[in-house]
Amino acid sequence: MKSVKLELMVGLFVLAGLLALAWLSIKLARMELVGGDHIPIFANFSSISGLKTGAPVEIAGVEVGRVDTITLNTTEFEARVRMKLRPDVPIQDDAIASVRTKGLIGDRYIIISPGGSPNLLKAGETLIHTEPAINFEELISQFVHGSIK
């Protein structure tokens, strides 16, 4: 009887440990188990070199969302990025989305510079003004070969 009680206690302890580990893994990976409360906003870029799904979207250094999907627009040959943003953050229709790098060789992320328009984007609409990723390799190559103007 005593060993059955001990085995039950050990089993419950292991189960609690596995649940805590699963919760910690989800929180560290910043995953969502349920849909979440976000709105989709799109942006088209001529180059998103190095940007990955799950990358943060920031305004003034504050994370307001994440990159959801990246696809290729085959008619314009541009990268179409779907961002999932918090619904409490207003995005003006003249805001500018830029692909930036954290540090010199860090990860890519999107920064949104607010506009001045009173018109706000609704879910599923597209940011018109974008800036592509800066290609440091190309800049260094131009500098080395003396073709920077």
C-alpha atoms as a PDB file:
ATOM      1  CA  MET A   1       0.000   0.000   0.000  1.00  0.00           C
ATOM      2  CA  LYS A   2       2.827   2.350   0.872  1.00  0.00           C
ATOM      3  CA  SER A   3       4.660   1.705  -2.445  1.00  0.00           C
ATOM      4  CA  VAL A   4       1.495   2.420  -4.466  1.00  0.00           C
ATOM      5  CA  LYS A   5       1.130   5.777  -2.709  1.00  0.00           C
ATOM      6  CA  LEU A   6       4.809   6.557  -3.312  1.00  0.00           C
ATOM      7  CA  GLU A   7       4.529   5.637  -7.023  1.00  0.00           C
ATOM      8  CA  LEU A   8       1.419   7.823  -7.350  1.00  0.00           C
ATOM      9  CA  MET A   9       3.227  10.779  -5.758  1.00  0.00           C
ATOM     10  CA  VAL A  10       6.276  10.315  -8.015  1.00  0.00           C
ATOM     11  CA  GLY A  11       4.002  10.068 -11.068  1.00  0.00           C
ATOM     12  CA  LEU A  12       2.202  13.297 -10.154  1.00  0.00           C
ATOM     13  CA  PHE A  13       5.532  15.027  -9.557  1.00  0.00           C
ATOM     14  CA  VAL A  14       6.868  13.930 -12.968  1.00  0.00           C
ATOM     15  CA  LEU A  15       3.613  15.012 -14.657  1.00  0.00           C
ATOM     16  CA  ALA A  16       3.815  18.455 -12.994  1.00  0.00           C
ATOM     17  CA  GLY A  17       7.439  18.763 -14.112  1.00  0.00           C
ATOM     18  CA  LEU A  18       6.560  17.904 -17.727  1.00  0.00           C
ATOM     19  CA  LEU A  19       3.709  20.432 -17.742  1.00  0.00           C
ATOM     20  CA  ALA A  20       6.014  23.129 -16.357  1.00  0.00           C
ATOM     21  CA  LEU A  21       8.638  22.291 -18.994  1.00  0.00           C
ATOM     22  CA  ALA A  22       6.036  22.474 -21.798  1.00  0.00           C
ATOM     23  CA  TRP A  23       4.770  25.858 -20.532  1.00  0.00           C
ATOM     24  CA  LEU A  24       8.321  27.222 -20.301  1.00  0.00           C
ATOM     25  CA  SER A  25       9.138  26.007 -23.821  1.00  0.00           C
ATOM     26  CA  ILE A  26       6.073  27.717 -25.256  1.00  0.00           C
ATOM     27  CA  LYS A  27       6.805  30.975 -23.422  1.00  0.00           C
ATOM     28  CA  LEU A  28      10.474  31.036 -24.443  1.00  0.00           C
ATOM     29  CA  ALA A  29       9.631  30.293 -28.072  1.00  0.00           C
ATOM     30  CA  ARG A  30       6.918  32.994 -27.940  1.00  0.00           C
ATOM     31  CA  MET A  31       4.425  30.648 -29.519  1.00  0.00           C
ATOM     32  CA  GLU A  32       0.686  30.924 -29.191  1.00  0.00           C
ATOM     33  CA  LEU A  33      -1.463  27.897 -28.598  1.00  0.00           C
ATOM     34  CA  VAL A  34      -4.668  29.732 -29.411  1.00  0.00           C
ATOM     35  CA  GLY A  35      -5.127  32.282 -32.221  1.00  0.00           C
ATOM     36  CA  GLY A  36      -4.317  35.284 -30.061  1.00  0.00           C
ATOM     37  CA  ASP A  37      -5.632  38.806 -30.375  1.00  0.00           C
ATOM     38  CA  HIS A  38      -3.752  40.199 -33.378  1.00  0.00           C
ATOM     39  CA  ILE A  39      -4.630  41.867 -36.667  1.00  0.00           C
ATOM     40  CA  PRO A  40      -2.897  41.096 -39.977  1.00  0.00           C
ATOM     41  CA  ILE A  41      -1.162  43.948 -41.809  1.00  0.00           C
ATOM     42  CA  PHE A  42       0.753  43.421 -45.074  1.00  0.00           C
ATOM     43  CA  ALA A  43       3.817  45.126 -46.579  1.00  0.00           C
ATOM     44  CA  ASN A  44       5.637  44.582 -49.888  1.00  0.00           C
ATOM     45  CA  PHE A  45       9.445  44.864 -49.977  1.00  0.00           C
ATOM     46  CA  SER A  46      11.903  44.773 -52.867  1.00  0.00           C
ATOM     47  CA  SER A  47      14.316  42.854 -50.592  1.00  0.00           C
ATOM     48  CA  ILE A  48      13.926  41.245 -47.179  1.00  0.00           C
ATOM     49  CA  SER A  49      17.268  39.461 -47.178  1.00  0.00           C
ATOM     50  CA  GLY A  50      17.628  37.569 -43.888  1.00  0.00           C
ATOM     51  CA  LEU A  51      14.149  38.289 -42.498  1.00  0.00           C
ATOM     52  CA  LYS A  52      12.453  35.202 -41.061  1.00  0.00           C
ATOM     53  CA  THR A  53       8.968  34.366 -39.875  1.00  0.00           C
ATOM     54  CA  GLY A  54       8.599  35.070 -36.179  1.00  0.00           C
ATOM     55  CA  ALA A  55      10.848  38.142 -36.375  1.00  0.00           C
ATOM     56  CA  PRO A  56       9.698  41.029 -34.179  1.00  0.00           C
ATOM     57  CA  VAL A  57       7.877  44.100 -35.468  1.00  0.00           C
ATOM     58  CA  GLU A  58       8.716  47.239 -33.486  1.00  0.00           C
ATOM     59  CA  ILE A  59       7.584  50.832 -33.189  1.00  0.00           C
ATOM     60  CA  ALA A  60       9.963  53.158 -31.297  1.00  0.00           C
ATOM     61  CA  GLY A  61      11.813  50.120 -29.946  1.00  0.00           C
ATOM     62  CA  VAL A  62       8.661  48.533 -28.496  1.00  0.00           C
ATOM     63  CA  GLU A  63       7.598  45.154 -29.852  1.00  0.00           C
ATOM     64  CA  VAL A  64       4.064  45.420 -31.221  1.00  0.00           C
ATOM     65  CA  GLY A  65       3.860  42.215 -33.238  1.00  0.00           C
ATOM     66  CA  ARG A  66       5.631  39.519 -35.228  1.00  0.00           C
ATOM     67  CA  VAL A  67       6.218  38.537 -38.847  1.00  0.00           C
ATOM     68  CA  ASP A  68       3.633  35.857 -39.610  1.00  0.00           C
ATOM     69  CA  THR A  69       4.318  34.765 -43.186  1.00  0.00           C
ATOM     70  CA  ILE A  70       6.625  35.693 -46.056  1.00  0.00           C
ATOM     71  CA  THR A  71       5.610  34.989 -49.645  1.00  0.00           C
ATOM     72  CA  LEU A  72       6.730  36.044 -53.110  1.00  0.00           C
ATOM     73  CA  ASN A  73       4.446  38.284 -55.157  1.00  0.00           C
ATOM     74  CA  THR A  74       5.099  36.759 -58.585  1.00  0.00           C
ATOM     75  CA  THR A  75       3.512  39.624 -60.537  1.00  0.00           C
ATOM     76  CA  GLU A  76       5.702  42.369 -59.028  1.00  0.00           C
ATOM     77  CA  PHE A  77       8.551  40.078 -57.884  1.00  0.00           C
ATOM     78  CA  GLU A  78       8.461  41.532 -54.399  1.00  0.00           C
ATOM     79  CA  ALA A  79       8.422  39.900 -51.003  1.00  0.00           C
ATOM     80  CA  ARG A  80       4.978  40.115 -49.370  1.00  0.00           C
ATOM     81  CA  VAL A  81       5.207  40.096 -45.591  1.00  0.00           C
ATOM     82  CA  ARG A  82       2.219  39.449 -43.361  1.00  0.00           C
ATOM     83  CA  MET A  83       2.647  40.901 -39.880  1.00  0.00           C
ATOM     84  CA  LYS A  84       0.420  40.121 -36.903  1.00  0.00           C
ATOM     85  CA  LEU A  85       0.149  43.288 -34.819  1.00  0.00           C
ATOM     86  CA  ARG A  86      -1.559  44.092 -31.536  1.00  0.00           C
ATOM     87  CA  PRO A  87      -5.001  45.604 -32.203  1.00  0.00           C
ATOM     88  CA  ASP A  88      -4.468  48.412 -29.661  1.00  0.00           C
ATOM     89  CA  VAL A  89      -1.616  49.925 -31.731  1.00  0.00           C
ATOM     90  CA  PRO A  90      -2.851  52.363 -34.407  1.00  0.00           C
ATOM     91  CA  ILE A  91      -0.940  52.219 -37.710  1.00  0.00           C
ATOM     92  CA  GLN A  92      -1.381  55.205 -40.025  1.00  0.00           C
ATOM     93  CA  ASP A  93      -1.801  54.562 -43.742  1.00  0.00           C
ATOM     94  CA  ASP A  94       1.335  56.630 -44.479  1.00  0.00           C
ATOM     95  CA  ALA A  95       3.567  54.782 -41.979  1.00  0.00           C
ATOM     96  CA  ILE A  96       6.876  53.380 -43.252  1.00  0.00           C
ATOM     97  CA  ALA A  97       7.925  49.749 -42.700  1.00  0.00           C
ATOM     98  CA  SER A  98      11.693  49.125 -42.818  1.00  0.00           C
ATOM     99  CA  VAL A  99      13.759  45.948 -42.534  1.00  0.00           C
ATOM    100  CA  ARG A 100      16.567  46.533 -40.030  1.00  0.00           C
ATOM    101  CA  THR A 101      19.357  44.528 -38.408  1.00  0.00           C
ATOM    102  CA  LYS A 102      19.980  44.137 -34.690  1.00  0.00           C
ATOM    103  CA  GLY A 103      23.686  44.843 -34.332  1.00  0.00           C
ATOM    104  CA  LEU A 104      26.233  44.464 -37.089  1.00  0.00           C
ATOM    105  CA  ILE A 105      25.488  40.837 -37.992  1.00  0.00           C
ATOM    106  CA  GLY A 106      22.340  40.282 -35.954  1.00  0.00           C
ATOM    107  CA  ASP A 107      18.867  39.100 -36.797  1.00  0.00           C
ATOM    108  CA  ARG A 108      16.579  41.066 -39.083  1.00  0.00           C
ATOM    109  CA  TYR A 109      13.378  42.651 -37.837  1.00  0.00           C
ATOM    110  CA  ILE A 110      10.800  45.170 -39.065  1.00  0.00           C
ATOM    111  CA  ILE A 111      10.513  48.657 -37.657  1.00  0.00           C
ATOM    112  CA  ILE A 112       7.455  50.784 -38.386  1.00  0.00           C
ATOM    113  CA  SER A 113       7.909  54.550 -38.412  1.00  0.00           C
ATOM    114  CA  PRO A 114       4.551  56.210 -37.682  1.00  0.00           C
ATOM    115  CA  GLY A 115       3.088  58.591 -40.229  1.00  0.00           C
ATOM    116  CA  GLY A 116       1.098  61.767 -39.776  1.00  0.00           C
ATOM    117  CA  SER A 117      -2.126  60.785 -41.501  1.00  0.00           C
ATOM    118  CA  PRO A 118      -5.358  60.623 -39.498  1.00  0.00           C
ATOM    119  CA  ASN A 119      -6.378  57.562 -41.565  1.00  0.00           C
ATOM    120  CA  LEU A 120      -5.577  54.237 -39.895  1.00  0.00           C
ATOM    121  CA  LEU A 121      -4.980  50.867 -41.531  1.00  0.00           C
ATOM    122  CA  LYS A 122      -7.588  48.193 -40.967  1.00  0.00           C
ATOM    123  CA  ALA A 123      -7.005  44.458 -40.656  1.00  0.00           C
ATOM    124  CA  GLY A 124      -5.769  42.968 -43.918  1.00  0.00           C
ATOM    125  CA  GLU A 125      -4.670  46.260 -45.494  1.00  0.00           C
ATOM    126  CA  THR A 126      -1.186  46.933 -46.896  1.00  0.00           C
ATOM    127  CA  LEU A 127       1.460  49.438 -45.870  1.00  0.00           C
ATOM    128  CA  ILE A 128       2.395  51.304 -49.050  1.00  0.00           C
ATOM    129  CA  HIS A 129       5.711  52.844 -47.961  1.00  0.00           C
ATOM    130  CA  THR A 130       8.537  50.365 -47.313  1.00  0.00           C
ATOM    131  CA  GLU A 131      12.323  50.358 -47.161  1.00  0.00           C
ATOM    132  CA  PRO A 132      14.212  47.178 -48.108  1.00  0.00           C
ATOM    133  CA  ALA A 133      16.958  45.524 -46.101  1.00  0.00           C
ATOM    134  CA  ILE A 134      20.412  47.047 -46.388  1.00  0.00           C
ATOM    135  CA  ASN A 135      22.850  44.600 -47.955  1.00  0.00           C
ATOM    136  CA  PHE A 136      26.091  45.120 -46.003  1.00  0.00           C
ATOM    137  CA  GLU A 137      28.048  42.733 -48.239  1.00  0.00           C
ATOM    138  CA  GLU A 138      27.168  44.810 -51.296  1.00  0.00           C
ATOM    139  CA  LEU A 139      28.113  48.053 -49.513  1.00  0.00           C
ATOM    140  CA  ILE A 140      31.479  46.650 -48.404  1.00  0.00           C
ATOM    141  CA  SER A 141      32.138  45.331 -51.913  1.00  0.00           C
ATOM    142  CA  GLN A 142      31.397  48.752 -53.397  1.00  0.00           C
ATOM    143  CA  PHE A 143      33.673  50.400 -50.833  1.00  0.00           C
ATOM    144  CA  VAL A 144      36.539  47.990 -51.501  1.00  0.00           C
ATOM    145  CA  HIS A 145      36.249  48.407 -55.268  1.00  0.00           C
ATOM    146  CA  GLY A 146      35.877  52.188 -54.990  1.00  0.00           C
ATOM    147  CA  SER A 147      32.473  52.471 -56.617  1.00  0.00           C
ATOM    148  CA  ILE A 148      30.598  54.204 -53.783  1.00  0.00           C
ATOM    149  CA  LYS A 149      29.168  57.519 -54.930  1.00  0.00           C
END
